[in-house]
Amino acid sequence: MLMANVGLRLVARVLVGCCLLAQAPSLLAQSAAGTDQDGRIRVQLTALNELVVSSEVAARIERIAVRDGDAFRSGALLVSFDCRTLEAQLEKAKASRDGARHQMDTVQRLAELDSVGKLEADQAQAKARETAAEVQVVQSTLGKCRISAPFSGRVVQRLASDHQFVNAGTPLLSLVDTRAIEVRLIVPSRWLSWLKAGAPFQVRLDDLDKTVEAKVARIGARVDPVSQSVELVAVVTGSTAGLLPGMSGWASFPGVR
């Protein structure tokens, strides 16, 4: 009796395994494309512009004007540095430039009187150009002591603190553009027979429990040969107020079941 029960259990396990193996291709395709039984597609919102702002100078941070989650407008001041040393270097470079220019003018007048040779005149002109270039270099570096927002958006994370000394290349702020939102999704490649750029669809966002209108902007350049799927990038056609990168939901295309 015991052996009979064991045998029955083994047969049952084999039958279940065979059923799962038979369903494996369809389950794989469903998982890869993120579809459900109603033909909806899983989607995620991403930001078109997202970056980490880093210091371009070695200096002490004077002030970081924003905190985590803060909104900002394009051109707004984000970070300022204490660059008094650079300011002093600029004054020194300007003094050297003015002196070189005065020297060049004097040598040129003497050259007109044949009191100096051409070599001395050329050297004076070269010195004047060199000192003028040094002023431009310091001015350019000094301009990096204030960091302005490259676009309108929000702060994801502050990565440094006020009064902290940082080297060039130190990350300071992680920023995201919350106005330029894209919708990314993966659909079955067989949809390419009818799905084109500009096709409209709806997205039901889980995070906000609301539906937004969207349209296909770009279709991926290759089909995944394993899952037979392709990536789409879409844009929200209505208001993006309240939408944040990382939100997810379900896309429904007209006529797809």
C-alpha atoms as a PDB file:
ATOM      1  CA  MET A   1       0.000   0.000   0.000  1.00  0.00           C
ATOM      2  CA  LEU A   2       2.805   2.373   0.924  1.00  0.00           C
ATOM      3  CA  MET A   3       4.607   1.655  -2.356  1.00  0.00           C
ATOM      4  CA  ALA A   4       1.374   2.316  -4.294  1.00  0.00           C
ATOM      5  CA  ASN A   5       0.935   5.744  -2.659  1.00  0.00           C
ATOM      6  CA  VAL A   6       4.544   6.649  -3.405  1.00  0.00           C
ATOM      7  CA  GLY A   7       4.067   5.627  -6.999  1.00  0.00           C
ATOM      8  CA  LEU A   8       0.922   7.730  -7.352  1.00  0.00           C
ATOM      9  CA  ARG A   9       2.699  10.789  -5.933  1.00  0.00           C
ATOM     10  CA  LEU A  10       5.579  10.354  -8.386  1.00  0.00           C
ATOM     11  CA  VAL A  11       3.162  10.099 -11.304  1.00  0.00           C
ATOM     12  CA  ALA A  12       1.356  13.249 -10.149  1.00  0.00           C
ATOM     13  CA  ARG A  13       4.624  15.181  -9.904  1.00  0.00           C
ATOM     14  CA  VAL A  14       5.634  14.109 -13.406  1.00  0.00           C
ATOM     15  CA  LEU A  15       2.277  15.230 -14.820  1.00  0.00           C
ATOM     16  CA  VAL A  16       2.529  18.642 -13.105  1.00  0.00           C
ATOM     17  CA  GLY A  17       6.081  19.051 -14.404  1.00  0.00           C
ATOM     18  CA  CYS A  18       4.989  18.233 -17.933  1.00  0.00           C
ATOM     19  CA  CYS A  19       2.203  20.816 -17.739  1.00  0.00           C
ATOM     20  CA  LEU A  20       4.638  23.516 -16.552  1.00  0.00           C
ATOM     21  CA  LEU A  21       7.090  22.665 -19.317  1.00  0.00           C
ATOM     22  CA  ALA A  22       4.299  22.905 -21.890  1.00  0.00           C
ATOM     23  CA  GLN A  23       3.311  26.338 -20.573  1.00  0.00           C
ATOM     24  CA  ALA A  24       6.908  27.620 -20.211  1.00  0.00           C
ATOM     25  CA  PRO A  25       7.181  29.392 -23.609  1.00  0.00           C
ATOM     26  CA  SER A  26       3.956  31.353 -23.084  1.00  0.00           C
ATOM     27  CA  LEU A  27       4.889  32.208 -19.504  1.00  0.00           C
ATOM     28  CA  LEU A  28       8.303  33.405 -20.632  1.00  0.00           C
ATOM     29  CA  ALA A  29       6.818  35.628 -23.319  1.00  0.00           C
ATOM     30  CA  GLN A  30       4.244  37.037 -20.903  1.00  0.00           C
ATOM     31  CA  SER A  31       6.906  37.797 -18.309  1.00  0.00           C
ATOM     32  CA  ALA A  32       9.340  39.329 -20.794  1.00  0.00           C
ATOM     33  CA  ALA A  33       6.742  41.633 -22.322  1.00  0.00           C
ATOM     34  CA  GLY A  34       5.168  42.435 -18.952  1.00  0.00           C
ATOM     35  CA  THR A  35       1.646  41.647 -20.174  1.00  0.00           C
ATOM     36  CA  ASP A  36      -1.363  40.407 -18.280  1.00  0.00           C
ATOM     37  CA  GLN A  37      -4.415  38.420 -19.401  1.00  0.00           C
ATOM     38  CA  ASP A  38      -6.190  41.580 -20.599  1.00  0.00           C
ATOM     39  CA  GLY A  39      -3.346  42.495 -22.959  1.00  0.00           C
ATOM     40  CA  ARG A  40      -2.123  45.335 -20.765  1.00  0.00           C
ATOM     41  CA  ILE A  41       1.602  46.149 -20.680  1.00  0.00           C
ATOM     42  CA  ARG A  42       3.635  46.996 -17.600  1.00  0.00           C
ATOM     43  CA  VAL A  43       5.237  50.469 -17.886  1.00  0.00           C
ATOM     44  CA  GLN A  44       7.622  52.669 -15.929  1.00  0.00           C
ATOM     45  CA  LEU A  45       8.109  56.430 -15.952  1.00  0.00           C
ATOM     46  CA  THR A  46      11.644  57.733 -16.463  1.00  0.00           C
ATOM     47  CA  ALA A  47      13.200  61.189 -16.659  1.00  0.00           C
ATOM     48  CA  LEU A  48      14.637  62.422 -19.938  1.00  0.00           C
ATOM     49  CA  ASN A  49      17.250  64.460 -18.030  1.00  0.00           C
ATOM     50  CA  GLU A  50      18.861  63.109 -14.870  1.00  0.00           C
ATOM     51  CA  LEU A  51      22.381  63.922 -13.750  1.00  0.00           C
ATOM     52  CA  VAL A  52      24.811  64.277 -10.871  1.00  0.00           C
ATOM     53  CA  VAL A  53      26.320  67.756 -10.535  1.00  0.00           C
ATOM     54  CA  SER A  54      30.002  67.691  -9.569  1.00  0.00           C
ATOM     55  CA  SER A  55      32.448  70.377  -8.494  1.00  0.00           C
ATOM     56  CA  GLU A  56      34.754  71.770 -11.176  1.00  0.00           C
ATOM     57  CA  VAL A  57      37.043  73.490  -8.682  1.00  0.00           C
ATOM     58  CA  ALA A  58      38.941  72.536  -5.533  1.00  0.00           C
ATOM     59  CA  ALA A  59      37.415  74.839  -2.924  1.00  0.00           C
ATOM     60  CA  ARG A  60      35.276  75.071   0.202  1.00  0.00           C
ATOM     61  CA  ILE A  61      31.516  75.007  -0.338  1.00  0.00           C
ATOM     62  CA  GLU A  62      30.049  78.297   0.787  1.00  0.00           C
ATOM     63  CA  ARG A  63      26.412  77.243   0.449  1.00  0.00           C
ATOM     64  CA  ILE A  64      24.208  74.618  -1.167  1.00  0.00           C
ATOM     65  CA  ALA A  65      20.941  76.430  -1.825  1.00  0.00           C
ATOM     66  CA  VAL A  66      18.672  73.370  -2.162  1.00  0.00           C
ATOM     67  CA  ARG A  67      17.800  70.259  -0.177  1.00  0.00           C
ATOM     68  CA  ASP A  68      16.436  66.815  -0.954  1.00  0.00           C
ATOM     69  CA  GLY A  69      13.097  67.061  -2.775  1.00  0.00           C
ATOM     70  CA  ASP A  70      13.345  70.811  -3.463  1.00  0.00           C
ATOM     71  CA  ALA A  71      12.101  72.109  -6.798  1.00  0.00           C
ATOM     72  CA  PHE A  72      14.201  74.584  -8.796  1.00  0.00           C
ATOM     73  CA  ARG A  73      14.029  76.507 -12.053  1.00  0.00           C
ATOM     74  CA  SER A  74      16.531  76.537 -14.884  1.00  0.00           C
ATOM     75  CA  GLY A  75      19.307  79.028 -14.148  1.00  0.00           C
ATOM     76  CA  ALA A  76      18.705  79.107 -10.391  1.00  0.00           C
ATOM     77  CA  LEU A  77      21.779  79.149  -8.155  1.00  0.00           C
ATOM     78  CA  LEU A  78      22.382  75.701  -6.677  1.00  0.00           C
ATOM     79  CA  VAL A  79      25.891  75.825  -5.176  1.00  0.00           C
ATOM     80  CA  SER A  80      28.370  78.600  -4.392  1.00  0.00           C
ATOM     81  CA  PHE A  81      32.018  78.204  -3.359  1.00  0.00           C
ATOM     82  CA  ASP A  82      34.425  80.315  -1.325  1.00  0.00           C
ATOM     83  CA  CYS A  83      36.806  81.403  -4.092  1.00  0.00           C
ATOM     84  CA  ARG A  84      38.633  84.323  -2.462  1.00  0.00           C
ATOM     85  CA  THR A  85      41.970  82.713  -3.336  1.00  0.00           C
ATOM     86  CA  LEU A  86      41.014  82.635  -7.000  1.00  0.00           C
ATOM     87  CA  GLU A  87      39.858  86.229  -6.813  1.00  0.00           C
ATOM     88  CA  ALA A  88      43.305  87.221  -5.488  1.00  0.00           C
ATOM     89  CA  GLN A  89      44.943  85.226  -8.277  1.00  0.00           C
ATOM     90  CA  LEU A  90      42.808  87.101 -10.788  1.00  0.00           C
ATOM     91  CA  GLU A  91      43.965  90.467  -9.448  1.00  0.00           C
ATOM     92  CA  LYS A  92      47.572  89.316  -9.674  1.00  0.00           C
ATOM     93  CA  ALA A  93      47.074  88.064 -13.240  1.00  0.00           C
ATOM     94  CA  LYS A  94      45.479  91.372 -14.242  1.00  0.00           C
ATOM     95  CA  ALA A  95      48.412  93.314 -12.776  1.00  0.00           C
ATOM     96  CA  SER A  96      50.865  91.161 -14.738  1.00  0.00           C
ATOM     97  CA  ARG A  97      48.811  91.668 -17.901  1.00  0.00           C
ATOM     98  CA  ASP A  98      48.729  95.450 -17.478  1.00  0.00           C
ATOM     99  CA  GLY A  99      52.474  95.556 -16.847  1.00  0.00           C
ATOM    100  CA  ALA A 100      53.159  93.406 -19.916  1.00  0.00           C
ATOM    101  CA  ARG A 101      50.978  95.638 -22.059  1.00  0.00           C
ATOM    102  CA  HIS A 102      52.799  98.752 -20.844  1.00  0.00           C
ATOM    103  CA  GLN A 103      56.119  97.076 -21.551  1.00  0.00           C
ATOM    104  CA  MET A 104      54.966  96.121 -25.032  1.00  0.00           C
ATOM    105  CA  ASP A 105      53.858  99.681 -25.818  1.00  0.00           C
ATOM    106  CA  THR A 106      57.238 101.049 -24.660  1.00  0.00           C
ATOM    107  CA  VAL A 107      59.204  98.548 -26.715  1.00  0.00           C
ATOM    108  CA  GLN A 108      57.076  99.251 -29.803  1.00  0.00           C
ATOM    109  CA  ARG A 109      57.797 103.006 -29.529  1.00  0.00           C
ATOM    110  CA  LEU A 110      61.504 102.268 -29.150  1.00  0.00           C
ATOM    111  CA  ALA A 111      61.332  99.940 -32.146  1.00  0.00           C
ATOM    112  CA  GLU A 112      59.876 102.746 -34.221  1.00  0.00           C
ATOM    113  CA  LEU A 113      62.976 104.756 -33.294  1.00  0.00           C
ATOM    114  CA  ASP A 114      65.230 101.797 -34.106  1.00  0.00           C
ATOM    115  CA  SER A 115      66.359 101.750 -30.469  1.00  0.00           C
ATOM    116  CA  VAL A 116      65.558  98.078 -29.970  1.00  0.00           C
ATOM    117  CA  GLY A 117      65.675  95.087 -32.271  1.00  0.00           C
ATOM    118  CA  LYS A 118      62.812  93.054 -33.692  1.00  0.00           C
ATOM    119  CA  LEU A 119      63.524  90.199 -31.268  1.00  0.00           C
ATOM    120  CA  GLU A 120      62.864  92.388 -28.220  1.00  0.00           C
ATOM    121  CA  ALA A 121      59.631  93.681 -29.779  1.00  0.00           C
ATOM    122  CA  ASP A 122      58.405  90.152 -30.539  1.00  0.00           C
ATOM    123  CA  GLN A 123      59.210  88.997 -27.009  1.00  0.00           C
ATOM    124  CA  ALA A 124      57.277  91.903 -25.523  1.00  0.00           C
ATOM    125  CA  GLN A 125      54.226  91.073 -27.666  1.00  0.00           C
ATOM    126  CA  ALA A 126      54.415  87.387 -26.692  1.00  0.00           C
ATOM    127  CA  LYS A 127      54.593  88.301 -22.998  1.00  0.00           C
ATOM    128  CA  ALA A 128      51.532  90.518 -23.352  1.00  0.00           C
ATOM    129  CA  ARG A 129      49.543  87.708 -25.008  1.00  0.00           C
ATOM    130  CA  GLU A 130      50.680  85.201 -22.368  1.00  0.00           C
ATOM    131  CA  THR A 131      49.566  87.346 -19.441  1.00  0.00           C
ATOM    132  CA  ALA A 132      46.242  88.104 -21.147  1.00  0.00           C
ATOM    133  CA  ALA A 133      45.658  84.356 -21.526  1.00  0.00           C
ATOM    134  CA  GLU A 134      46.449  83.805 -17.841  1.00  0.00           C
ATOM    135  CA  VAL A 135      43.721  86.310 -16.938  1.00  0.00           C
ATOM    136  CA  GLN A 136      41.211  84.430 -19.110  1.00  0.00           C
ATOM    137  CA  VAL A 137      42.139  81.107 -17.467  1.00  0.00           C
ATOM    138  CA  VAL A 138      41.598  82.458 -13.941  1.00  0.00           C
ATOM    139  CA  GLN A 139      38.361  84.182 -14.973  1.00  0.00           C
ATOM    140  CA  SER A 140      37.092  80.918 -16.466  1.00  0.00           C
ATOM    141  CA  THR A 141      37.929  79.009 -13.278  1.00  0.00           C
ATOM    142  CA  LEU A 142      36.329  81.715 -11.157  1.00  0.00           C
ATOM    143  CA  GLY A 143      33.136  81.334 -13.181  1.00  0.00           C
ATOM    144  CA  LYS A 144      32.917  77.738 -11.933  1.00  0.00           C
ATOM    145  CA  CYS A 145      32.575  78.928  -8.336  1.00  0.00           C
ATOM    146  CA  ARG A 146      28.816  79.224  -8.846  1.00  0.00           C
ATOM    147  CA  ILE A 147      26.761  76.323 -10.179  1.00  0.00           C
ATOM    148  CA  SER A 148      23.385  77.102 -11.761  1.00  0.00           C
ATOM    149  CA  ALA A 149      20.603  74.666 -12.611  1.00  0.00           C
ATOM    150  CA  PRO A 150      20.913  73.323 -16.177  1.00  0.00           C
ATOM    151  CA  PHE A 151      17.149  72.660 -16.322  1.00  0.00           C
ATOM    152  CA  SER A 152      14.030  72.955 -14.190  1.00  0.00           C
ATOM    153  CA  GLY A 153      13.435  69.991 -11.912  1.00  0.00           C
ATOM    154  CA  ARG A 154      13.882  68.640  -8.401  1.00  0.00           C
ATOM    155  CA  VAL A 155      16.703  67.518  -6.149  1.00  0.00           C
ATOM    156  CA  VAL A 156      16.949  63.769  -5.715  1.00  0.00           C
ATOM    157  CA  GLN A 157      19.748  63.878  -3.141  1.00  0.00           C
ATOM    158  CA  ARG A 158      22.339  66.218  -1.648  1.00  0.00           C
ATOM    159  CA  LEU A 159      25.736  64.574  -1.784  1.00  0.00           C
ATOM    160  CA  ALA A 160      27.785  67.242   0.032  1.00  0.00           C
ATOM    161  CA  SER A 161      27.354  69.777   2.837  1.00  0.00           C
ATOM    162  CA  ASP A 162      27.860  73.484   3.435  1.00  0.00           C
ATOM    163  CA  HIS A 163      31.436  74.444   4.443  1.00  0.00           C
ATOM    164  CA  GLN A 164      32.808  71.125   3.181  1.00  0.00           C
ATOM    165  CA  PHE A 165      36.062  71.293   1.216  1.00  0.00           C
ATOM    166  CA  VAL A 166      35.807  69.383  -2.054  1.00  0.00           C
ATOM    167  CA  ASN A 167      38.142  68.589  -4.903  1.00  0.00           C
ATOM    168  CA  ALA A 168      37.345  68.928  -8.574  1.00  0.00           C
ATOM    169  CA  GLY A 169      35.067  66.073  -9.609  1.00  0.00           C
ATOM    170  CA  THR A 170      33.405  65.613  -6.199  1.00  0.00           C
ATOM    171  CA  PRO A 171      29.640  64.850  -6.600  1.00  0.00           C
ATOM    172  CA  LEU A 172      27.448  67.537  -5.039  1.00  0.00           C
ATOM    173  CA  LEU A 173      23.820  67.067  -6.093  1.00  0.00           C
ATOM    174  CA  SER A 174      21.704  64.482  -7.877  1.00  0.00           C
ATOM    175  CA  LEU A 175      19.088  66.233 -10.046  1.00  0.00           C
ATOM    176  CA  VAL A 176      16.138  65.061 -12.100  1.00  0.00           C
ATOM    177  CA  ASP A 177      14.003  66.865 -14.665  1.00  0.00           C
ATOM    178  CA  THR A 178      10.418  66.200 -13.538  1.00  0.00           C
ATOM    179  CA  ARG A 179       8.878  67.999 -16.509  1.00  0.00           C
ATOM    180  CA  ALA A 180      10.393  65.851 -19.271  1.00  0.00           C
ATOM    181  CA  ILE A 181       8.863  62.463 -18.396  1.00  0.00           C
ATOM    182  CA  GLU A 182       9.094  59.437 -20.674  1.00  0.00           C
ATOM    183  CA  VAL A 183       7.092  56.201 -20.544  1.00  0.00           C
ATOM    184  CA  ARG A 184       9.095  53.034 -21.192  1.00  0.00           C
ATOM    185  CA  LEU A 185       7.553  49.657 -21.910  1.00  0.00           C
ATOM    186  CA  ILE A 186       8.299  46.348 -23.629  1.00  0.00           C
ATOM    187  CA  VAL A 187       5.725  44.911 -26.024  1.00  0.00           C
ATOM    188  CA  PRO A 188       5.507  41.684 -28.057  1.00  0.00           C
ATOM    189  CA  SER A 189       7.377  42.053 -31.342  1.00  0.00           C
ATOM    190  CA  ARG A 190       4.319  40.800 -33.256  1.00  0.00           C
ATOM    191  CA  TRP A 191       2.715  44.160 -32.454  1.00  0.00           C
ATOM    192  CA  LEU A 192       5.133  45.808 -34.906  1.00  0.00           C
ATOM    193  CA  SER A 193       2.775  44.811 -37.706  1.00  0.00           C
ATOM    194  CA  TRP A 194       0.358  47.525 -36.579  1.00  0.00           C
ATOM    195  CA  LEU A 195       2.070  49.612 -33.869  1.00  0.00           C
ATOM    196  CA  LYS A 196       3.654  52.818 -35.186  1.00  0.00           C
ATOM    197  CA  ALA A 197       5.138  56.016 -33.762  1.00  0.00           C
ATOM    198  CA  GLY A 198       2.342  58.336 -32.694  1.00  0.00           C
ATOM    199  CA  ALA A 199      -0.009  55.517 -31.677  1.00  0.00           C
ATOM    200  CA  PRO A 200      -2.128  56.636 -28.686  1.00  0.00           C
ATOM    201  CA  PHE A 201      -2.728  54.605 -25.544  1.00  0.00           C
ATOM    202  CA  GLN A 202      -3.631  55.018 -21.881  1.00  0.00           C
ATOM    203  CA  VAL A 203      -1.524  54.441 -18.771  1.00  0.00           C
ATOM    204  CA  ARG A 204      -3.097  53.579 -15.451  1.00  0.00           C
ATOM    205  CA  LEU A 205      -0.579  54.648 -12.786  1.00  0.00           C
ATOM    206  CA  ASP A 206      -0.528  52.508  -9.638  1.00  0.00           C
ATOM    207  CA  ASP A 207       1.118  55.222  -7.526  1.00  0.00           C
ATOM    208  CA  LEU A 208      -1.507  57.905  -8.229  1.00  0.00           C
ATOM    209  CA  ASP A 209      -4.477  55.643  -9.036  1.00  0.00           C
ATOM    210  CA  LYS A 210      -5.252  57.683 -12.126  1.00  0.00           C
ATOM    211  CA  THR A 211      -5.132  57.330 -15.898  1.00  0.00           C
ATOM    212  CA  VAL A 212      -3.048  59.520 -18.230  1.00  0.00           C
ATOM    213  CA  GLU A 213      -2.965  59.738 -22.013  1.00  0.00           C
ATOM    214  CA  ALA A 214       0.251  58.913 -23.870  1.00  0.00           C
ATOM    215  CA  LYS A 215       1.533  58.226 -27.376  1.00  0.00           C
ATOM    216  CA  VAL A 216       4.405  56.208 -28.815  1.00  0.00           C
ATOM    217  CA  ALA A 217       7.430  58.406 -29.529  1.00  0.00           C
ATOM    218  CA  ARG A 218      10.103  55.898 -30.561  1.00  0.00           C
ATOM    219  CA  ILE A 219      10.313  52.177 -31.244  1.00  0.00           C
ATOM    220  CA  GLY A 220      13.399  50.187 -30.280  1.00  0.00           C
ATOM    221  CA  ALA A 221      15.995  49.415 -32.950  1.00  0.00           C
ATOM    222  CA  ARG A 222      16.137  45.662 -32.320  1.00  0.00           C
ATOM    223  CA  VAL A 223      13.910  42.763 -31.295  1.00  0.00           C
ATOM    224  CA  ASP A 224      14.999  40.546 -28.421  1.00  0.00           C
ATOM    225  CA  PRO A 225      15.297  37.109 -30.077  1.00  0.00           C
ATOM    226  CA  VAL A 226      14.653  35.187 -26.846  1.00  0.00           C
ATOM    227  CA  SER A 227      11.505  36.920 -25.594  1.00  0.00           C
ATOM    228  CA  GLN A 228      10.372  38.148 -29.043  1.00  0.00           C
ATOM    229  CA  SER A 229       9.775  41.609 -27.611  1.00  0.00           C
ATOM    230  CA  VAL A 230      10.787  45.185 -28.425  1.00  0.00           C
ATOM    231  CA  GLU A 231      11.147  48.323 -26.299  1.00  0.00           C
ATOM    232  CA  LEU A 232       8.980  51.403 -26.788  1.00  0.00           C
ATOM    233  CA  VAL A 233       9.484  54.939 -25.543  1.00  0.00           C
ATOM    234  CA  ALA A 234       6.386  57.099 -25.208  1.00  0.00           C
ATOM    235  CA  VAL A 235       5.505  60.570 -23.970  1.00  0.00           C
ATOM    236  CA  VAL A 236       2.601  61.799 -21.858  1.00  0.00           C
ATOM    237  CA  THR A 237       0.364  63.950 -24.057  1.00  0.00           C
ATOM    238  CA  GLY A 238      -1.476  65.617 -21.203  1.00  0.00           C
ATOM    239  CA  SER A 239      -0.290  67.368 -18.066  1.00  0.00           C
ATOM    240  CA  THR A 240       2.715  65.852 -16.297  1.00  0.00           C
ATOM    241  CA  ALA A 241       1.873  67.543 -12.980  1.00  0.00           C
ATOM    242  CA  GLY A 242       2.398  65.119 -10.114  1.00  0.00           C
ATOM    243  CA  LEU A 243       4.244  62.558 -12.221  1.00  0.00           C
ATOM    244  CA  LEU A 244       7.614  61.402 -10.939  1.00  0.00           C
ATOM    245  CA  PRO A 245      10.321  59.170 -12.405  1.00  0.00           C
ATOM    246  CA  GLY A 246      10.059  55.639 -11.063  1.00  0.00           C
ATOM    247  CA  MET A 247       6.263  55.521 -11.029  1.00  0.00           C
ATOM    248  CA  SER A 248       4.794  52.467 -12.727  1.00  0.00           C
ATOM    249  CA  GLY A 249       1.489  51.172 -14.010  1.00  0.00           C
ATOM    250  CA  TRP A 250      -0.270  49.432 -16.888  1.00  0.00           C
ATOM    251  CA  ALA A 251      -0.641  50.547 -20.504  1.00  0.00           C
ATOM    252  CA  SER A 252      -3.767  49.711 -22.472  1.00  0.00           C
ATOM    253  CA  PHE A 253      -3.748  49.938 -26.269  1.00  0.00           C
ATOM    254  CA  PRO A 254      -7.030  50.320 -28.186  1.00  0.00           C
ATOM    255  CA  GLY A 255      -8.276  47.044 -29.618  1.00  0.00           C
ATOM    256  CA  VAL A 256      -5.730  44.848 -27.804  1.00  0.00           C
ATOM    257  CA  ARG A 257      -7.185  42.009 -25.708  1.00  0.00           C
END
